[in-house]
Full PDB file with SEQRES, HELIX, SHEET, SSBOND, CRYST1, ORIGX, SCALE, CONECT and MASTER records, all heavy atoms in Angstrom:
SEQRES   1 A   45  ALA ALA ALA ASN THR ALA ALA ILE PRO GLY GLY VAL VAL          
SEQRES   2 A   45  VAL VAL SER PRO ALA ALA THR SER PRO ALA LEU THR THR          
SEQRES   3 A   45  LEU GLU ASP ASN ASP LEU VAL PHE ARG THR ALA PRO SER          
SEQRES   4 A   45  ASP ALA TYR GLN GLY ALA                                      
HELIX    1 AA1 ALA A    2  ALA A    2  1                                   1    
HELIX    2 AA2 ALA A    3  ALA A    7  3                                   5    
HELIX    3 AA3 PRO A   22  LEU A   24  5                                   3    
HELIX    4 AA4 ASP A   40  GLY A   44  1                                   5    
SHEET    1 AA1 2 VAL A  14  SER A  16  0                                        
SHEET    2 AA1 2 VAL A  33  ARG A  35  1                                        
CRYST1    1.000    1.000    1.000  90.00  90.00  90.00 P 1           1          
ORIGX1      1.000000  0.000000  0.000000        0.00000                         
ORIGX2      0.000000  1.000000  0.000000        0.00000                         
ORIGX3      0.000000  0.000000  1.000000        0.00000                         
SCALE1      1.000000  0.000000  0.000000        0.00000                         
SCALE2      0.000000  1.000000  0.000000        0.00000                         
SCALE3      0.000000  0.000000  1.000000        0.00000                         
ATOM      1  N   ALA A   1      -0.937  -8.042   1.398  1.00  0.00           N  
ATOM      2  CA  ALA A   1       0.261  -8.457   0.811  1.00  0.00           C  
ATOM      3  C   ALA A   1       1.192  -9.083   1.834  1.00  0.00           C  
ATOM      4  O   ALA A   1       1.692 -10.123   1.579  1.00  0.00           O  
ATOM      5  CB  ALA A   1       0.944  -7.268   0.015  1.00  0.00           C  
ATOM      6  N   ALA A   2       1.426  -8.291   2.968  1.00  0.00           N  
ATOM      7  CA  ALA A   2       2.231  -8.858   3.964  1.00  0.00           C  
ATOM      8  C   ALA A   2       1.794 -10.220   4.544  1.00  0.00           C  
ATOM      9  O   ALA A   2       2.618 -11.141   4.789  1.00  0.00           O  
ATOM     10  CB  ALA A   2       2.375  -7.852   5.124  1.00  0.00           C  
ATOM     11  N   ALA A   3       0.502 -10.230   4.652  1.00  0.00           N  
ATOM     12  CA  ALA A   3      -0.117 -11.519   5.282  1.00  0.00           C  
ATOM     13  C   ALA A   3       0.017 -12.724   4.271  1.00  0.00           C  
ATOM     14  O   ALA A   3       0.425 -13.742   4.764  1.00  0.00           O  
ATOM     15  CB  ALA A   3      -1.595 -11.325   5.592  1.00  0.00           C  
ATOM     16  N   ASN A   4      -0.319 -12.412   3.157  1.00  0.00           N  
ATOM     17  CA  ASN A   4      -0.307 -13.544   2.119  1.00  0.00           C  
ATOM     18  C   ASN A   4       1.084 -14.034   1.750  1.00  0.00           C  
ATOM     19  O   ASN A   4       1.399 -15.260   1.519  1.00  0.00           O  
ATOM     20  CB  ASN A   4      -0.967 -13.093   0.845  1.00  0.00           C  
ATOM     21  CG  ASN A   4      -2.561 -13.220   1.009  1.00  0.00           C  
ATOM     22  OD1 ASN A   4      -3.077 -13.953   1.818  1.00  0.00           O  
ATOM     23  ND2 ASN A   4      -3.161 -12.356   0.191  1.00  0.00           N  
ATOM     24  N   THR A   5       2.021 -13.184   1.715  1.00  0.00           N  
ATOM     25  CA  THR A   5       3.327 -13.463   1.291  1.00  0.00           C  
ATOM     26  C   THR A   5       4.347 -14.000   2.329  1.00  0.00           C  
ATOM     27  O   THR A   5       5.224 -14.802   2.163  1.00  0.00           O  
ATOM     28  CB  THR A   5       4.088 -12.267   0.493  1.00  0.00           C  
ATOM     29  OG1 THR A   5       4.136 -11.293   1.431  1.00  0.00           O  
ATOM     30  CG2 THR A   5       3.369 -11.830  -0.728  1.00  0.00           C  
ATOM     31  N   ALA A   6       4.051 -13.559   3.561  1.00  0.00           N  
ATOM     32  CA  ALA A   6       5.061 -13.859   4.540  1.00  0.00           C  
ATOM     33  C   ALA A   6       4.368 -14.303   5.987  1.00  0.00           C  
ATOM     34  O   ALA A   6       4.720 -15.365   6.429  1.00  0.00           O  
ATOM     35  CB  ALA A   6       5.981 -12.679   4.903  1.00  0.00           C  
ATOM     36  N   ALA A   7       3.445 -13.464   6.358  1.00  0.00           N  
ATOM     37  CA  ALA A   7       2.876 -13.738   7.864  1.00  0.00           C  
ATOM     38  C   ALA A   7       2.109 -15.132   7.898  1.00  0.00           C  
ATOM     39  O   ALA A   7       2.375 -15.925   8.779  1.00  0.00           O  
ATOM     40  CB  ALA A   7       2.088 -12.745   8.289  1.00  0.00           C  
ATOM     41  N   ILE A   8       1.236 -15.379   6.995  1.00  0.00           N  
ATOM     42  CA  ILE A   8       0.376 -16.469   6.968  1.00  0.00           C  
ATOM     43  C   ILE A   8       1.277 -17.739   6.667  1.00  0.00           C  
ATOM     44  O   ILE A   8       1.248 -18.733   7.440  1.00  0.00           O  
ATOM     45  CB  ILE A   8      -0.764 -16.465   6.075  1.00  0.00           C  
ATOM     46  CG1 ILE A   8      -1.779 -15.285   6.432  1.00  0.00           C  
ATOM     47  CG2 ILE A   8      -1.480 -17.756   5.952  1.00  0.00           C  
ATOM     48  CD1 ILE A   8      -2.828 -14.999   5.382  1.00  0.00           C  
ATOM     49  N   PRO A   9       2.201 -17.737   5.714  1.00  0.00           N  
ATOM     50  CA  PRO A   9       2.994 -18.955   5.543  1.00  0.00           C  
ATOM     51  C   PRO A   9       3.945 -19.154   6.759  1.00  0.00           C  
ATOM     52  O   PRO A   9       4.320 -20.232   7.034  1.00  0.00           O  
ATOM     53  CB  PRO A   9       3.857 -18.541   4.262  1.00  0.00           C  
ATOM     54  CG  PRO A   9       3.014 -17.679   3.544  1.00  0.00           C  
ATOM     55  CD  PRO A   9       2.247 -16.837   4.545  1.00  0.00           C  
ATOM     56  N   GLY A  10       4.329 -18.073   7.389  1.00  0.00           N  
ATOM     57  CA  GLY A  10       5.274 -18.251   8.547  1.00  0.00           C  
ATOM     58  C   GLY A  10       4.532 -18.497   9.898  1.00  0.00           C  
ATOM     59  O   GLY A  10       5.206 -18.592  10.853  1.00  0.00           O  
ATOM     60  N   GLY A  11       3.135 -18.558   9.836  1.00  0.00           N  
ATOM     61  CA  GLY A  11       2.453 -18.675  11.054  1.00  0.00           C  
ATOM     62  C   GLY A  11       2.505 -17.597  12.125  1.00  0.00           C  
ATOM     63  O   GLY A  11       2.471 -17.768  13.255  1.00  0.00           O  
ATOM     64  N   VAL A  12       2.622 -16.391  11.465  1.00  0.00           N  
ATOM     65  CA  VAL A  12       2.994 -15.247  12.379  1.00  0.00           C  
ATOM     66  C   VAL A  12       1.508 -14.391  12.513  1.00  0.00           C  
ATOM     67  O   VAL A  12       0.864 -14.159  11.531  1.00  0.00           O  
ATOM     68  CB  VAL A  12       3.875 -14.241  11.761  1.00  0.00           C  
ATOM     69  CG1 VAL A  12       4.040 -12.903  12.542  1.00  0.00           C  
ATOM     70  CG2 VAL A  12       5.242 -14.985  11.915  1.00  0.00           C  
ATOM     71  N   VAL A  13       1.242 -14.155  13.762  1.00  0.00           N  
ATOM     72  CA  VAL A  13      -0.064 -13.395  14.000  1.00  0.00           C  
ATOM     73  C   VAL A  13       0.286 -11.867  13.605  1.00  0.00           C  
ATOM     74  O   VAL A  13       1.344 -11.373  13.933  1.00  0.00           O  
ATOM     75  CB  VAL A  13      -0.292 -13.380  15.572  1.00  0.00           C  
ATOM     76  CG1 VAL A  13      -1.295 -12.348  15.951  1.00  0.00           C  
ATOM     77  CG2 VAL A  13      -0.885 -14.782  15.929  1.00  0.00           C  
ATOM     78  N   VAL A  14      -0.793 -11.282  13.004  1.00  0.00           N  
ATOM     79  CA  VAL A  14      -0.717  -9.892  12.554  1.00  0.00           C  
ATOM     80  C   VAL A  14      -1.921  -9.224  13.278  1.00  0.00           C  
ATOM     81  O   VAL A  14      -3.047  -9.728  13.120  1.00  0.00           O  
ATOM     82  CB  VAL A  14      -0.988  -9.804  11.013  1.00  0.00           C  
ATOM     83  CG1 VAL A  14      -1.171  -8.400  10.574  1.00  0.00           C  
ATOM     84  CG2 VAL A  14       0.290 -10.486  10.311  1.00  0.00           C  
ATOM     85  N   VAL A  15      -1.594  -8.052  13.889  1.00  0.00           N  
ATOM     86  CA  VAL A  15      -2.703  -7.205  14.481  1.00  0.00           C  
ATOM     87  C   VAL A  15      -2.458  -5.851  13.906  1.00  0.00           C  
ATOM     88  O   VAL A  15      -1.544  -5.073  14.316  1.00  0.00           O  
ATOM     89  CB  VAL A  15      -2.571  -7.189  16.088  1.00  0.00           C  
ATOM     90  CG1 VAL A  15      -3.732  -6.289  16.514  1.00  0.00           C  
ATOM     91  CG2 VAL A  15      -2.578  -8.547  16.603  1.00  0.00           C  
ATOM     92  N   SER A  16      -3.405  -5.475  12.970  1.00  0.00           N  
ATOM     93  CA  SER A  16      -3.259  -4.139  12.351  1.00  0.00           C  
ATOM     94  C   SER A  16      -4.072  -3.152  13.142  1.00  0.00           C  
ATOM     95  O   SER A  16      -5.248  -3.392  13.308  1.00  0.00           O  
ATOM     96  CB  SER A  16      -3.763  -4.102  10.892  1.00  0.00           C  
ATOM     97  OG  SER A  16      -3.702  -2.804  10.393  1.00  0.00           O  
ATOM     98  N   PRO A  17      -3.405  -1.877  13.430  1.00  0.00           N  
ATOM     99  CA  PRO A  17      -4.261  -0.871  14.140  1.00  0.00           C  
ATOM    100  C   PRO A  17      -5.040  -0.065  13.192  1.00  0.00           C  
ATOM    101  O   PRO A  17      -5.895   0.749  13.640  1.00  0.00           O  
ATOM    102  CB  PRO A  17      -3.127  -0.041  14.718  1.00  0.00           C  
ATOM    103  CG  PRO A  17      -1.850  -0.563  14.520  1.00  0.00           C  
ATOM    104  CD  PRO A  17      -2.044  -1.559  13.317  1.00  0.00           C  
ATOM    105  N   ALA A  18      -4.732  -0.215  11.823  1.00  0.00           N  
ATOM    106  CA  ALA A  18      -5.439   0.876  10.864  1.00  0.00           C  
ATOM    107  C   ALA A  18      -5.815   0.315   9.472  1.00  0.00           C  
ATOM    108  O   ALA A  18      -6.381   1.079   8.767  1.00  0.00           O  
ATOM    109  CB  ALA A  18      -4.293   1.906  10.606  1.00  0.00           C  
ATOM    110  N   ALA A  19      -5.657  -1.032   9.233  1.00  0.00           N  
ATOM    111  CA  ALA A  19      -6.106  -1.537   8.029  1.00  0.00           C  
ATOM    112  C   ALA A  19      -7.650  -1.778   8.124  1.00  0.00           C  
ATOM    113  O   ALA A  19      -8.098  -2.662   8.847  1.00  0.00           O  
ATOM    114  CB  ALA A  19      -5.387  -2.852   7.763  1.00  0.00           C  
ATOM    115  N   THR A  20      -8.411  -0.974   7.271  1.00  0.00           N  
ATOM    116  CA  THR A  20      -9.853  -1.037   7.489  1.00  0.00           C  
ATOM    117  C   THR A  20     -10.649  -1.513   6.325  1.00  0.00           C  
ATOM    118  O   THR A  20     -11.944  -1.468   6.410  1.00  0.00           O  
ATOM    119  CB  THR A  20     -10.347   0.475   7.918  1.00  0.00           C  
ATOM    120  OG1 THR A  20      -9.802   1.306   6.726  1.00  0.00           O  
ATOM    121  CG2 THR A  20      -9.798   1.061   9.081  1.00  0.00           C  
ATOM    122  N   SER A  21      -9.966  -1.987   5.293  1.00  0.00           N  
ATOM    123  CA  SER A  21     -10.722  -2.469   4.229  1.00  0.00           C  
ATOM    124  C   SER A  21     -11.632  -3.636   4.593  1.00  0.00           C  
ATOM    125  O   SER A  21     -11.244  -4.586   5.295  1.00  0.00           O  
ATOM    126  CB  SER A  21      -9.872  -2.928   2.992  1.00  0.00           C  
ATOM    127  OG  SER A  21     -10.470  -3.576   2.035  1.00  0.00           O  
ATOM    128  N   PRO A  22     -12.801  -3.680   3.996  1.00  0.00           N  
ATOM    129  CA  PRO A  22     -13.774  -4.921   4.122  1.00  0.00           C  
ATOM    130  C   PRO A  22     -13.165  -6.168   3.606  1.00  0.00           C  
ATOM    131  O   PRO A  22     -13.468  -7.187   4.027  1.00  0.00           O  
ATOM    132  CB  PRO A  22     -14.935  -4.516   3.460  1.00  0.00           C  
ATOM    133  CG  PRO A  22     -15.010  -3.064   3.507  1.00  0.00           C  
ATOM    134  CD  PRO A  22     -13.596  -2.547   3.388  1.00  0.00           C  
ATOM    135  N   ALA A  23     -12.126  -6.022   2.860  1.00  0.00           N  
ATOM    136  CA  ALA A  23     -11.390  -7.316   2.231  1.00  0.00           C  
ATOM    137  C   ALA A  23     -10.724  -8.148   3.210  1.00  0.00           C  
ATOM    138  O   ALA A  23     -10.572  -9.291   3.030  1.00  0.00           O  
ATOM    139  CB  ALA A  23     -10.526  -6.841   1.112  1.00  0.00           C  
ATOM    140  N   LEU A  24     -10.439  -7.412   4.294  1.00  0.00           N  
ATOM    141  CA  LEU A  24      -9.734  -8.245   5.476  1.00  0.00           C  
ATOM    142  C   LEU A  24     -10.553  -9.203   6.115  1.00  0.00           C  
ATOM    143  O   LEU A  24     -10.268 -10.204   6.579  1.00  0.00           O  
ATOM    144  CB  LEU A  24      -9.049  -7.251   6.358  1.00  0.00           C  
ATOM    145  CG  LEU A  24      -7.627  -6.925   6.150  1.00  0.00           C  
ATOM    146  CD1 LEU A  24      -7.533  -5.960   4.994  1.00  0.00           C  
ATOM    147  CD2 LEU A  24      -6.906  -6.473   7.431  1.00  0.00           C  
ATOM    148  N   THR A  25     -11.974  -8.894   6.054  1.00  0.00           N  
ATOM    149  CA  THR A  25     -12.841  -9.757   6.734  1.00  0.00           C  
ATOM    150  C   THR A  25     -12.941 -11.165   6.162  1.00  0.00           C  
ATOM    151  O   THR A  25     -13.129 -12.156   6.944  1.00  0.00           O  
ATOM    152  CB  THR A  25     -14.245  -9.078   6.708  1.00  0.00           C  
ATOM    153  OG1 THR A  25     -14.238  -7.851   7.329  1.00  0.00           O  
ATOM    154  CG2 THR A  25     -15.351 -10.028   7.493  1.00  0.00           C  
ATOM    155  N   THR A  26     -12.803 -11.205   4.787  1.00  0.00           N  
ATOM    156  CA  THR A  26     -12.978 -12.600   4.114  1.00  0.00           C  
ATOM    157  C   THR A  26     -11.569 -13.161   3.794  1.00  0.00           C  
ATOM    158  O   THR A  26     -11.556 -14.078   3.043  1.00  0.00           O  
ATOM    159  CB  THR A  26     -13.703 -12.406   2.931  1.00  0.00           C  
ATOM    160  OG1 THR A  26     -13.187 -11.381   2.112  1.00  0.00           O  
ATOM    161  CG2 THR A  26     -15.249 -11.972   3.346  1.00  0.00           C  
ATOM    162  N   LEU A  27     -10.509 -12.551   4.304  1.00  0.00           N  
ATOM    163  CA  LEU A  27      -9.107 -13.119   3.985  1.00  0.00           C  
ATOM    164  C   LEU A  27      -8.887 -14.454   4.553  1.00  0.00           C  
ATOM    165  O   LEU A  27      -9.321 -14.702   5.741  1.00  0.00           O  
ATOM    166  CB  LEU A  27      -8.131 -12.143   4.563  1.00  0.00           C  
ATOM    167  CG  LEU A  27      -6.669 -12.414   4.054  1.00  0.00           C  
ATOM    168  CD1 LEU A  27      -6.419 -12.167   2.748  1.00  0.00           C  
ATOM    169  CD2 LEU A  27      -5.682 -11.563   5.017  1.00  0.00           C  
ATOM    170  N   GLU A  28      -8.394 -15.348   3.833  1.00  0.00           N  
ATOM    171  CA  GLU A  28      -8.190 -16.813   4.214  1.00  0.00           C  
ATOM    172  C   GLU A  28      -6.877 -16.832   4.892  1.00  0.00           C  
ATOM    173  O   GLU A  28      -5.773 -16.821   4.341  1.00  0.00           O  
ATOM    174  CB  GLU A  28      -8.174 -17.689   3.057  1.00  0.00           C  
ATOM    175  CG  GLU A  28      -9.542 -17.826   2.400  1.00  0.00           C  
ATOM    176  CD  GLU A  28      -9.598 -18.984   1.320  1.00  0.00           C  
ATOM    177  OE1 GLU A  28      -8.537 -19.645   1.210  1.00  0.00           O  
ATOM    178  OE2 GLU A  28     -10.657 -19.073   0.585  1.00  0.00           O  
ATOM    179  N   ASP A  29      -6.892 -16.551   6.286  1.00  0.00           N  
ATOM    180  CA  ASP A  29      -5.730 -16.283   7.025  1.00  0.00           C  
ATOM    181  C   ASP A  29      -5.319 -17.302   8.159  1.00  0.00           C  
ATOM    182  O   ASP A  29      -4.488 -17.049   8.994  1.00  0.00           O  
ATOM    183  CB  ASP A  29      -5.808 -14.871   7.645  1.00  0.00           C  
ATOM    184  CG  ASP A  29      -7.064 -14.818   8.601  1.00  0.00           C  
ATOM    185  OD1 ASP A  29      -7.759 -15.712   8.825  1.00  0.00           O  
ATOM    186  OD2 ASP A  29      -7.324 -13.695   9.134  1.00  0.00           O  
ATOM    187  N   ASN A  30      -6.017 -18.396   8.139  1.00  0.00           N  
ATOM    188  CA  ASN A  30      -5.667 -19.407   9.168  1.00  0.00           C  
ATOM    189  C   ASN A  30      -5.843 -18.687  10.677  1.00  0.00           C  
ATOM    190  O   ASN A  30      -5.105 -19.146  11.511  1.00  0.00           O  
ATOM    191  CB  ASN A  30      -4.358 -20.062   9.030  1.00  0.00           C  
ATOM    192  CG  ASN A  30      -4.211 -20.712   7.762  1.00  0.00           C  
ATOM    193  OD1 ASN A  30      -5.277 -21.242   7.262  1.00  0.00           O  
ATOM    194  ND2 ASN A  30      -2.888 -20.707   7.178  1.00  0.00           N  
ATOM    195  N   ASP A  31      -6.776 -17.814  10.771  1.00  0.00           N  
ATOM    196  CA  ASP A  31      -6.948 -17.157  12.055  1.00  0.00           C  
ATOM    197  C   ASP A  31      -5.683 -16.510  12.627  1.00  0.00           C  
ATOM    198  O   ASP A  31      -5.362 -16.499  13.767  1.00  0.00           O  
ATOM    199  CB  ASP A  31      -7.494 -18.175  13.060  1.00  0.00           C  
ATOM    200  CG  ASP A  31      -8.242 -17.322  14.378  1.00  0.00           C  
ATOM    201  OD1 ASP A  31      -8.910 -16.300  14.009  1.00  0.00           O  
ATOM    202  OD2 ASP A  31      -8.070 -17.766  15.467  1.00  0.00           O  
ATOM    203  N   LEU A  32      -4.933 -15.852  11.712  1.00  0.00           N  
ATOM    204  CA  LEU A  32      -3.794 -15.094  11.996  1.00  0.00           C  
ATOM    205  C   LEU A  32      -3.828 -13.604  11.857  1.00  0.00           C  
ATOM    206  O   LEU A  32      -2.924 -12.877  12.436  1.00  0.00           O  
ATOM    207  CB  LEU A  32      -2.620 -15.690  11.229  1.00  0.00           C  
ATOM    208  CG  LEU A  32      -2.113 -17.113  11.406  1.00  0.00           C  
ATOM    209  CD1 LEU A  32      -1.159 -17.494  10.341  1.00  0.00           C  
ATOM    210  CD2 LEU A  32      -1.381 -17.242  12.839  1.00  0.00           C  
ATOM    211  N   VAL A  33      -4.854 -13.093  11.205  1.00  0.00           N  
ATOM    212  CA  VAL A  33      -4.990 -11.650  10.938  1.00  0.00           C  
ATOM    213  C   VAL A  33      -6.061 -11.029  11.688  1.00  0.00           C  
ATOM    214  O   VAL A  33      -7.216 -11.451  11.541  1.00  0.00           O  
ATOM    215  CB  VAL A  33      -5.063 -11.348   9.463  1.00  0.00           C  
ATOM    216  CG1 VAL A  33      -5.149  -9.899   9.183  1.00  0.00           C  
ATOM    217  CG2 VAL A  33      -3.957 -12.009   8.625  1.00  0.00           C  
ATOM    218  N   PHE A  34      -5.649 -10.031  12.609  1.00  0.00           N  
ATOM    219  CA  PHE A  34      -6.707  -9.348  13.481  1.00  0.00           C  
ATOM    220  C   PHE A  34      -6.486  -7.835  13.220  1.00  0.00           C  
ATOM    221  O   PHE A  34      -5.477  -7.393  12.683  1.00  0.00           O  
ATOM    222  CB  PHE A  34      -6.416  -9.682  14.861  1.00  0.00           C  
ATOM    223  CG  PHE A  34      -6.530 -11.106  15.198  1.00  0.00           C  
ATOM    224  CD1 PHE A  34      -5.546 -12.072  14.964  1.00  0.00           C  
ATOM    225  CD2 PHE A  34      -7.653 -11.577  15.802  1.00  0.00           C  
ATOM    226  CE1 PHE A  34      -5.483 -13.439  15.238  1.00  0.00           C  
ATOM    227  CE2 PHE A  34      -7.713 -12.985  16.244  1.00  0.00           C  
ATOM    228  CZ  PHE A  34      -6.740 -13.772  15.828  1.00  0.00           C  
ATOM    229  N   ARG A  35      -7.446  -7.038  13.641  1.00  0.00           N  
ATOM    230  CA  ARG A  35      -7.316  -5.687  13.657  1.00  0.00           C  
ATOM    231  C   ARG A  35      -8.005  -5.043  14.793  1.00  0.00           C  
ATOM    232  O   ARG A  35      -8.984  -5.549  15.320  1.00  0.00           O  
ATOM    233  CB  ARG A  35      -7.779  -5.036  12.357  1.00  0.00           C  
ATOM    234  CG  ARG A  35      -9.229  -5.512  11.826  1.00  0.00           C  
ATOM    235  CD  ARG A  35      -9.428  -4.983  10.539  1.00  0.00           C  
ATOM    236  NE  ARG A  35     -10.560  -5.545   9.904  1.00  0.00           N  
ATOM    237  CZ  ARG A  35     -11.085  -5.152   8.731  1.00  0.00           C  
ATOM    238  NH1 ARG A  35     -10.527  -4.257   7.986  1.00  0.00           N  
ATOM    239  NH2 ARG A  35     -12.111  -5.745   8.193  1.00  0.00           N  
ATOM    240  N   THR A  36      -7.493  -3.863  15.310  1.00  0.00           N  
ATOM    241  CA  THR A  36      -8.056  -3.226  16.456  1.00  0.00           C  
ATOM    242  C   THR A  36      -8.775  -1.915  15.953  1.00  0.00           C  
ATOM    243  O   THR A  36      -9.265  -1.201  16.862  1.00  0.00           O  
ATOM    244  CB  THR A  36      -6.975  -2.681  17.365  1.00  0.00           C  
ATOM    245  OG1 THR A  36      -5.912  -1.948  16.631  1.00  0.00           O  
ATOM    246  CG2 THR A  36      -6.318  -3.948  18.107  1.00  0.00           C  
ATOM    247  N   ALA A  37      -9.078  -1.741  14.731  1.00  0.00           N  
ATOM    248  CA  ALA A  37      -9.860  -0.673  14.192  1.00  0.00           C  
ATOM    249  C   ALA A  37     -11.023  -1.366  13.312  1.00  0.00           C  
ATOM    250  O   ALA A  37     -10.944  -2.481  12.769  1.00  0.00           O  
ATOM    251  CB  ALA A  37      -8.966   0.114  13.208  1.00  0.00           C  
ATOM    252  N   PRO A  38     -12.132  -0.763  13.333  1.00  0.00           N  
ATOM    253  CA  PRO A  38     -13.294  -1.362  12.631  1.00  0.00           C  
ATOM    254  C   PRO A  38     -13.221  -1.250  11.122  1.00  0.00           C  
ATOM    255  O   PRO A  38     -12.471  -0.457  10.618  1.00  0.00           O  
ATOM    256  CB  PRO A  38     -14.470  -0.424  13.205  1.00  0.00           C  
ATOM    257  CG  PRO A  38     -13.849   0.874  13.430  1.00  0.00           C  
ATOM    258  CD  PRO A  38     -12.560   0.526  14.057  1.00  0.00           C  
ATOM    259  N   SER A  39     -13.903  -2.176  10.498  1.00  0.00           N  
ATOM    260  CA  SER A  39     -13.992  -2.183   9.015  1.00  0.00           C  
ATOM    261  C   SER A  39     -14.602  -0.928   8.493  1.00  0.00           C  
ATOM    262  O   SER A  39     -15.470  -0.295   8.954  1.00  0.00           O  
ATOM    263  CB  SER A  39     -14.701  -3.418   8.575  1.00  0.00           C  
ATOM    264  OG  SER A  39     -15.123  -3.393   7.201  1.00  0.00           O  
ATOM    265  N   ASP A  40     -14.176  -0.642   7.174  1.00  0.00           N  
ATOM    266  CA  ASP A  40     -14.806   0.514   6.530  1.00  0.00           C  
ATOM    267  C   ASP A  40     -16.196   0.166   6.030  1.00  0.00           C  
ATOM    268  O   ASP A  40     -16.894   1.035   5.677  1.00  0.00           O  
ATOM    269  CB  ASP A  40     -13.945   0.963   5.277  1.00  0.00           C  
ATOM    270  CG  ASP A  40     -12.610   1.748   5.770  1.00  0.00           C  
ATOM    271  OD1 ASP A  40     -12.757   2.396   6.721  1.00  0.00           O  
ATOM    272  OD2 ASP A  40     -11.797   1.637   4.976  1.00  0.00           O  
ATOM    273  N   ALA A  41     -16.625  -1.004   6.213  1.00  0.00           N  
ATOM    274  CA  ALA A  41     -18.059  -1.371   5.933  1.00  0.00           C  
ATOM    275  C   ALA A  41     -18.797  -0.561   6.882  1.00  0.00           C  
ATOM    276  O   ALA A  41     -20.028  -0.067   6.479  1.00  0.00           O  
ATOM    277  CB  ALA A  41     -18.258  -2.864   5.990  1.00  0.00           C  
ATOM    278  N   TYR A  42     -18.281  -0.440   8.167  1.00  0.00           N  
ATOM    279  CA  TYR A  42     -19.024   0.297   9.096  1.00  0.00           C  
ATOM    280  C   TYR A  42     -18.832   1.906   8.946  1.00  0.00           C  
ATOM    281  O   TYR A  42     -19.569   2.743   9.108  1.00  0.00           O  
ATOM    282  CB  TYR A  42     -18.580  -0.154  10.451  1.00  0.00           C  
ATOM    283  CG  TYR A  42     -19.206   0.577  11.594  1.00  0.00           C  
ATOM    284  CD1 TYR A  42     -20.665   0.453  11.803  1.00  0.00           C  
ATOM    285  CD2 TYR A  42     -18.495   1.202  12.665  1.00  0.00           C  
ATOM    286  CE1 TYR A  42     -21.318   1.051  12.923  1.00  0.00           C  
ATOM    287  CE2 TYR A  42     -19.110   1.964  13.668  1.00  0.00           C  
ATOM    288  CZ  TYR A  42     -20.525   1.795  13.797  1.00  0.00           C  
ATOM    289  OH  TYR A  42     -21.154   2.326  14.861  1.00  0.00           O  
ATOM    290  N   GLN A  43     -17.487   2.165   8.810  1.00  0.00           N  
ATOM    291  CA  GLN A  43     -17.148   3.583   8.693  1.00  0.00           C  
ATOM    292  C   GLN A  43     -17.895   4.227   7.474  1.00  0.00           C  
ATOM    293  O   GLN A  43     -18.267   5.396   7.596  1.00  0.00           O  
ATOM    294  CB  GLN A  43     -15.608   3.738   8.643  1.00  0.00           C  
ATOM    295  CG  GLN A  43     -15.223   5.328   8.658  1.00  0.00           C  
ATOM    296  CD  GLN A  43     -13.783   5.562   8.616  1.00  0.00           C  
ATOM    297  OE1 GLN A  43     -13.374   6.762   8.614  1.00  0.00           O  
ATOM    298  NE2 GLN A  43     -12.942   4.583   8.503  1.00  0.00           N  
ATOM    299  N   GLY A  44     -17.990   3.575   6.410  1.00  0.00           N  
ATOM    300  CA  GLY A  44     -18.607   4.070   5.271  1.00  0.00           C  
ATOM    301  C   GLY A  44     -20.190   4.455   5.555  1.00  0.00           C  
ATOM    302  O   GLY A  44     -20.601   5.585   5.203  1.00  0.00           O  
ATOM    303  N   ALA A  45     -20.728   3.550   6.303  1.00  0.00           N  
ATOM    304  CA  ALA A  45     -22.093   3.879   6.888  1.00  0.00           C  
ATOM    305  C   ALA A  45     -22.255   5.015   7.651  1.00  0.00           C  
ATOM    306  O   ALA A  45     -23.143   5.938   7.602  1.00  0.00           O  
ATOM    307  CB  ALA A  45     -22.838   2.598   7.373  1.00  0.00           C  
TER     308      ALA A  45                                                      
MASTER        0    0    0    4    2    0    0    6  307    1    0    4          
END                                                                             
């Protein structure tokens, strides 16, 4: 929500330490959204 409504339109880099949903992998983010924790696609396995 934060990325789509404010960060991406504002050209602001986002680095989440804890957002782990696989949905972030396919987010159309203009290469602005990163994370330092692995996806739950891996944690689930």
